Amino acid sequence: MTNWTGLTERATLHRLDGKSYFTSLDLKSGYYQMPRDKTAFLFPDVHYQFTRLPFGIINGPAVFQRMLGSLWFTIVMAFMDDLLIPSASIEEGLQC
């Protein structure tokens, strides 16, 4: 089982310190954007495999959260399929 704890409250507040502007994004069908080879299973003589991370899979949120955290950790804060981009100015936010 994959566990992903993400940021602690203290770490989250630290990353937001001094930021006045926030961009919020929702990744539409974000889970479907991730290839998942580990979702394969066998059914009498037939091999099935999802082509994307399906909703409802027990490790889905942790896998997705880990992927988002590893991609944009220094710029973006991710929670489930929502992204928050904190910035100190409008110009800084536009550079992201």
C-alpha atoms as a PDB file:
ATOM      1  CA  MET A   1       0.000   0.000   0.000  1.00  0.00           C
ATOM      2  CA  THR A   2       1.275   3.458  -0.871  1.00  0.00           C
ATOM      3  CA  ASN A   3       1.161   6.095   1.852  1.00  0.00           C
ATOM      4  CA  TRP A   4       1.626   9.780   1.238  1.00  0.00           C
ATOM      5  CA  THR A   5       1.329  12.246   4.068  1.00  0.00           C
ATOM      6  CA  GLY A   6       2.075  15.431   2.161  1.00  0.00           C
ATOM      7  CA  LEU A   7       2.989  18.605   4.019  1.00  0.00           C
ATOM      8  CA  THR A   8       2.392  19.119   7.715  1.00  0.00           C
ATOM      9  CA  GLU A   9       0.321  22.084   8.881  1.00  0.00           C
ATOM     10  CA  ARG A  10       3.469  23.896   9.964  1.00  0.00           C
ATOM     11  CA  ALA A  11       5.190  23.297   6.611  1.00  0.00           C
ATOM     12  CA  THR A  12       2.072  24.431   4.750  1.00  0.00           C
ATOM     13  CA  LEU A  13       1.825  27.661   6.743  1.00  0.00           C
ATOM     14  CA  HIS A  14       5.553  28.263   6.245  1.00  0.00           C
ATOM     15  CA  ARG A  15       5.158  27.984   2.461  1.00  0.00           C
ATOM     16  CA  LEU A  16       2.257  30.467   2.565  1.00  0.00           C
ATOM     17  CA  ASP A  17       4.115  32.986   4.735  1.00  0.00           C
ATOM     18  CA  GLY A  18       4.623  36.280   2.921  1.00  0.00           C
ATOM     19  CA  LYS A  19       2.382  35.304   0.014  1.00  0.00           C
ATOM     20  CA  SER A  20      -0.438  37.661  -0.918  1.00  0.00           C
ATOM     21  CA  TYR A  21      -1.652  36.211  -4.213  1.00  0.00           C
ATOM     22  CA  PHE A  22      -3.008  32.732  -4.815  1.00  0.00           C
ATOM     23  CA  THR A  23      -3.865  30.914  -8.016  1.00  0.00           C
ATOM     24  CA  SER A  24      -6.142  27.906  -7.634  1.00  0.00           C
ATOM     25  CA  LEU A  25      -6.474  25.202 -10.293  1.00  0.00           C
ATOM     26  CA  ASP A  26      -8.606  22.079 -10.447  1.00  0.00           C
ATOM     27  CA  LEU A  27      -7.197  19.242 -12.557  1.00  0.00           C
ATOM     28  CA  LYS A  28     -10.212  17.933 -14.424  1.00  0.00           C
ATOM     29  CA  SER A  29     -10.164  14.134 -14.382  1.00  0.00           C
ATOM     30  CA  GLY A  30      -6.612  14.278 -13.046  1.00  0.00           C
ATOM     31  CA  TYR A  31      -6.511  10.584 -12.197  1.00  0.00           C
ATOM     32  CA  TYR A  32      -7.154   9.693 -15.826  1.00  0.00           C
ATOM     33  CA  GLN A  33      -3.976  11.510 -16.876  1.00  0.00           C
ATOM     34  CA  MET A  34      -1.708   9.007 -15.100  1.00  0.00           C
ATOM     35  CA  PRO A  35      -0.652   5.770 -16.806  1.00  0.00           C
ATOM     36  CA  ARG A  36      -0.923   2.859 -14.357  1.00  0.00           C
ATOM     37  CA  ASP A  37       0.698  -0.450 -15.187  1.00  0.00           C
ATOM     38  CA  LYS A  38       0.212  -1.747 -11.638  1.00  0.00           C
ATOM     39  CA  THR A  39      -3.556  -1.965 -12.006  1.00  0.00           C
ATOM     40  CA  ALA A  40      -3.333  -5.222 -13.972  1.00  0.00           C
ATOM     41  CA  PHE A  41      -5.213  -8.306 -12.828  1.00  0.00           C
ATOM     42  CA  LEU A  42      -6.041 -11.762 -14.145  1.00  0.00           C
ATOM     43  CA  PHE A  43      -9.464 -13.235 -14.674  1.00  0.00           C
ATOM     44  CA  PRO A  44      -9.703 -16.860 -15.894  1.00  0.00           C
ATOM     45  CA  ASP A  45      -7.168 -16.890 -18.731  1.00  0.00           C
ATOM     46  CA  VAL A  46      -7.604 -13.190 -19.507  1.00  0.00           C
ATOM     47  CA  HIS A  47      -5.281 -10.328 -18.563  1.00  0.00           C
ATOM     48  CA  TYR A  48      -6.916  -6.971 -17.821  1.00  0.00           C
ATOM     49  CA  GLN A  49      -5.148  -3.695 -17.196  1.00  0.00           C
ATOM     50  CA  PHE A  50      -6.425  -0.166 -16.766  1.00  0.00           C
ATOM     51  CA  THR A  51      -4.783   2.319 -19.088  1.00  0.00           C
ATOM     52  CA  ARG A  52      -5.141   5.132 -16.551  1.00  0.00           C
ATOM     53  CA  LEU A  53      -5.425   5.360 -12.773  1.00  0.00           C
ATOM     54  CA  PRO A  54      -9.099   4.578 -12.056  1.00  0.00           C
ATOM     55  CA  PHE A  55     -11.225   6.407  -9.507  1.00  0.00           C
ATOM     56  CA  GLY A  56     -12.033   4.268  -6.490  1.00  0.00           C
ATOM     57  CA  ILE A  57      -8.730   2.396  -6.346  1.00  0.00           C
ATOM     58  CA  ILE A  58      -7.565   2.400  -2.719  1.00  0.00           C
ATOM     59  CA  ASN A  59      -4.093   3.828  -3.411  1.00  0.00           C
ATOM     60  CA  GLY A  60      -5.291   6.284  -6.046  1.00  0.00           C
ATOM     61  CA  PRO A  61      -5.201   9.479  -3.985  1.00  0.00           C
ATOM     62  CA  ALA A  62      -1.773   8.689  -2.501  1.00  0.00           C
ATOM     63  CA  VAL A  63      -0.260   7.820  -5.895  1.00  0.00           C
ATOM     64  CA  PHE A  64      -1.714  10.936  -7.508  1.00  0.00           C
ATOM     65  CA  GLN A  65      -0.657  13.182  -4.610  1.00  0.00           C
ATOM     66  CA  ARG A  66       2.887  11.802  -4.678  1.00  0.00           C
ATOM     67  CA  MET A  67       3.140  12.368  -8.438  1.00  0.00           C
ATOM     68  CA  LEU A  68       1.961  15.976  -8.143  1.00  0.00           C
ATOM     69  CA  GLY A  69       4.199  16.665  -5.158  1.00  0.00           C
ATOM     70  CA  SER A  70       7.278  15.353  -6.918  1.00  0.00           C
ATOM     71  CA  LEU A  71       6.650  17.338 -10.105  1.00  0.00           C
ATOM     72  CA  TRP A  72       6.033  20.831  -8.795  1.00  0.00           C
ATOM     73  CA  PHE A  73       6.858  20.746  -5.097  1.00  0.00           C
ATOM     74  CA  THR A  74       8.797  24.031  -5.071  1.00  0.00           C
ATOM     75  CA  ILE A  75       6.097  26.028  -6.900  1.00  0.00           C
ATOM     76  CA  VAL A  76       2.735  24.343  -6.427  1.00  0.00           C
ATOM     77  CA  MET A  77       0.936  22.993  -3.383  1.00  0.00           C
ATOM     78  CA  ALA A  78      -1.295  20.041  -4.250  1.00  0.00           C
ATOM     79  CA  PHE A  79      -4.243  18.518  -2.437  1.00  0.00           C
ATOM     80  CA  MET A  80      -6.046  15.711  -4.261  1.00  0.00           C
ATOM     81  CA  ASP A  81      -6.694  17.160  -7.734  1.00  0.00           C
ATOM     82  CA  ASP A  82      -6.547  20.805  -6.631  1.00  0.00           C
ATOM     83  CA  LEU A  83      -3.457  22.960  -7.020  1.00  0.00           C
ATOM     84  CA  LEU A  84      -2.564  26.165  -5.193  1.00  0.00           C
ATOM     85  CA  ILE A  85       0.175  28.447  -6.484  1.00  0.00           C
ATOM     86  CA  PRO A  86       1.109  30.982  -3.801  1.00  0.00           C
ATOM     87  CA  SER A  87       3.078  34.060  -4.856  1.00  0.00           C
ATOM     88  CA  ALA A  88       4.268  37.304  -3.305  1.00  0.00           C
ATOM     89  CA  SER A  89       3.219  39.431  -6.295  1.00  0.00           C
ATOM     90  CA  ILE A  90       1.115  39.244  -9.427  1.00  0.00           C
ATOM     91  CA  GLU A  91       4.275  39.197 -11.532  1.00  0.00           C
ATOM     92  CA  GLU A  92       5.690  36.247  -9.591  1.00  0.00           C
ATOM     93  CA  GLY A  93       2.412  34.387 -10.018  1.00  0.00           C
ATOM     94  CA  LEU A  94       2.428  34.975 -13.772  1.00  0.00           C
ATOM     95  CA  GLN A  95       5.949  33.538 -14.066  1.00  0.00           C
ATOM     96  CA  CYS A  96       4.723  30.178 -12.803  1.00  0.00           C
END
